[in-house]
Amino acid sequence: MIVNGQSAEIQPGETVASVFERLGLSLAARGVAVAVDGEVVPRAAWPSFTLDADSHVEVLTAMQGG
């Protein structure tokens, strides 16, 4: 599985929420979005959205500035 462009030891069937825990991020964090295989996953689905062995996960955070 690929997380933010790097190979990750995540088991198939784990959820987006478990990936957050591995990254040390809070599920309540503001300004965070998750895309799996190029599709945005709604925040409400993070605890139940399961990942495949070949999933590509991107965790994006909003940044201020210009």
C-alpha atoms as a PDB file:
ATOM      1  CA  MET A   1       0.000   0.000   0.000  1.00  0.00           C
ATOM      2  CA  ILE A   2       1.173   3.523  -0.701  1.00  0.00           C
ATOM      3  CA  VAL A   3       0.563   6.352   1.796  1.00  0.00           C
ATOM      4  CA  ASN A   4       1.581   9.865   0.762  1.00  0.00           C
ATOM      5  CA  GLY A   5       3.813   8.466  -1.961  1.00  0.00           C
ATOM      6  CA  GLN A   6       5.685   6.007   0.255  1.00  0.00           C
ATOM      7  CA  SER A   7       5.266   2.291   0.830  1.00  0.00           C
ATOM      8  CA  ALA A   8       3.470   1.565   4.103  1.00  0.00           C
ATOM      9  CA  GLU A   9       2.969  -1.534   6.225  1.00  0.00           C
ATOM     10  CA  ILE A  10      -0.813  -1.432   6.360  1.00  0.00           C
ATOM     11  CA  GLN A  11      -2.907  -4.574   6.205  1.00  0.00           C
ATOM     12  CA  PRO A  12      -5.748  -4.943   3.687  1.00  0.00           C
ATOM     13  CA  GLY A  13      -9.049  -4.292   5.435  1.00  0.00           C
ATOM     14  CA  GLU A  14      -7.659  -1.585   7.721  1.00  0.00           C
ATOM     15  CA  THR A  15      -9.627   1.645   7.734  1.00  0.00           C
ATOM     16  CA  VAL A  16      -8.706   5.205   6.897  1.00  0.00           C
ATOM     17  CA  ALA A  17      -9.065   5.928  10.634  1.00  0.00           C
ATOM     18  CA  SER A  18      -6.375   3.336  11.451  1.00  0.00           C
ATOM     19  CA  VAL A  19      -4.023   4.993   8.930  1.00  0.00           C
ATOM     20  CA  PHE A  20      -4.588   8.278  10.769  1.00  0.00           C
ATOM     21  CA  GLU A  21      -3.621   6.611  14.050  1.00  0.00           C
ATOM     22  CA  ARG A  22      -0.429   5.214  12.478  1.00  0.00           C
ATOM     23  CA  LEU A  23       0.479   8.697  11.230  1.00  0.00           C
ATOM     24  CA  GLY A  24      -0.178  10.180  14.665  1.00  0.00           C
ATOM     25  CA  LEU A  25      -3.038  12.346  13.406  1.00  0.00           C
ATOM     26  CA  SER A  26      -6.280  13.069  15.192  1.00  0.00           C
ATOM     27  CA  LEU A  27      -9.554  12.182  13.477  1.00  0.00           C
ATOM     28  CA  ALA A  28     -10.838  15.506  14.797  1.00  0.00           C
ATOM     29  CA  ALA A  29      -8.064  17.480  13.065  1.00  0.00           C
ATOM     30  CA  ARG A  30      -9.375  20.383  11.007  1.00  0.00           C
ATOM     31  CA  GLY A  31      -8.199  21.164   7.504  1.00  0.00           C
ATOM     32  CA  VAL A  32      -7.459  17.537   6.623  1.00  0.00           C
ATOM     33  CA  ALA A  33      -8.714  15.582   3.609  1.00  0.00           C
ATOM     34  CA  VAL A  34      -8.140  11.992   2.532  1.00  0.00           C
ATOM     35  CA  ALA A  35      -8.129  10.599  -0.995  1.00  0.00           C
ATOM     36  CA  VAL A  36      -7.964   6.889  -1.796  1.00  0.00           C
ATOM     37  CA  ASP A  37      -7.045   5.971  -5.350  1.00  0.00           C
ATOM     38  CA  GLY A  38      -7.717   9.557  -6.430  1.00  0.00           C
ATOM     39  CA  GLU A  39     -11.192   9.814  -4.882  1.00  0.00           C
ATOM     40  CA  VAL A  40     -11.916  11.950  -1.827  1.00  0.00           C
ATOM     41  CA  VAL A  41     -13.262   9.941   1.118  1.00  0.00           C
ATOM     42  CA  PRO A  42     -15.841  11.873   3.183  1.00  0.00           C
ATOM     43  CA  ARG A  43     -14.772  12.400   6.795  1.00  0.00           C
ATOM     44  CA  ALA A  44     -17.846  10.535   8.079  1.00  0.00           C
ATOM     45  CA  ALA A  45     -16.670   7.414   6.214  1.00  0.00           C
ATOM     46  CA  TRP A  46     -13.107   7.324   7.632  1.00  0.00           C
ATOM     47  CA  PRO A  47     -13.909   4.902  10.485  1.00  0.00           C
ATOM     48  CA  SER A  48     -15.551   2.387   8.124  1.00  0.00           C
ATOM     49  CA  PHE A  49     -13.781   2.918   4.765  1.00  0.00           C
ATOM     50  CA  THR A  50     -11.541  -0.115   4.278  1.00  0.00           C
ATOM     51  CA  LEU A  51      -8.371  -0.217   2.212  1.00  0.00           C
ATOM     52  CA  ASP A  52      -7.070  -2.796  -0.257  1.00  0.00           C
ATOM     53  CA  ALA A  53      -3.493  -4.054  -0.489  1.00  0.00           C
ATOM     54  CA  ASP A  54      -2.907  -1.908  -3.581  1.00  0.00           C
ATOM     55  CA  SER A  55      -4.641   1.269  -2.344  1.00  0.00           C
ATOM     56  CA  HIS A  56      -2.962   4.632  -2.828  1.00  0.00           C
ATOM     57  CA  VAL A  57      -3.803   6.893   0.117  1.00  0.00           C
ATOM     58  CA  GLU A  58      -3.086  10.615   0.243  1.00  0.00           C
ATOM     59  CA  VAL A  59      -3.552  12.534   3.483  1.00  0.00           C
ATOM     60  CA  LEU A  60      -3.693  16.241   2.673  1.00  0.00           C
ATOM     61  CA  THR A  61      -3.580  19.157   5.072  1.00  0.00           C
ATOM     62  CA  ALA A  62      -4.589  22.725   4.340  1.00  0.00           C
ATOM     63  CA  MET A  63      -1.819  25.300   4.543  1.00  0.00           C
ATOM     64  CA  GLN A  64      -2.055  29.032   4.876  1.00  0.00           C
ATOM     65  CA  GLY A  65      -0.117  31.326   2.656  1.00  0.00           C
ATOM     66  CA  GLY A  66       0.167  32.127  -0.963  1.00  0.00           C
END
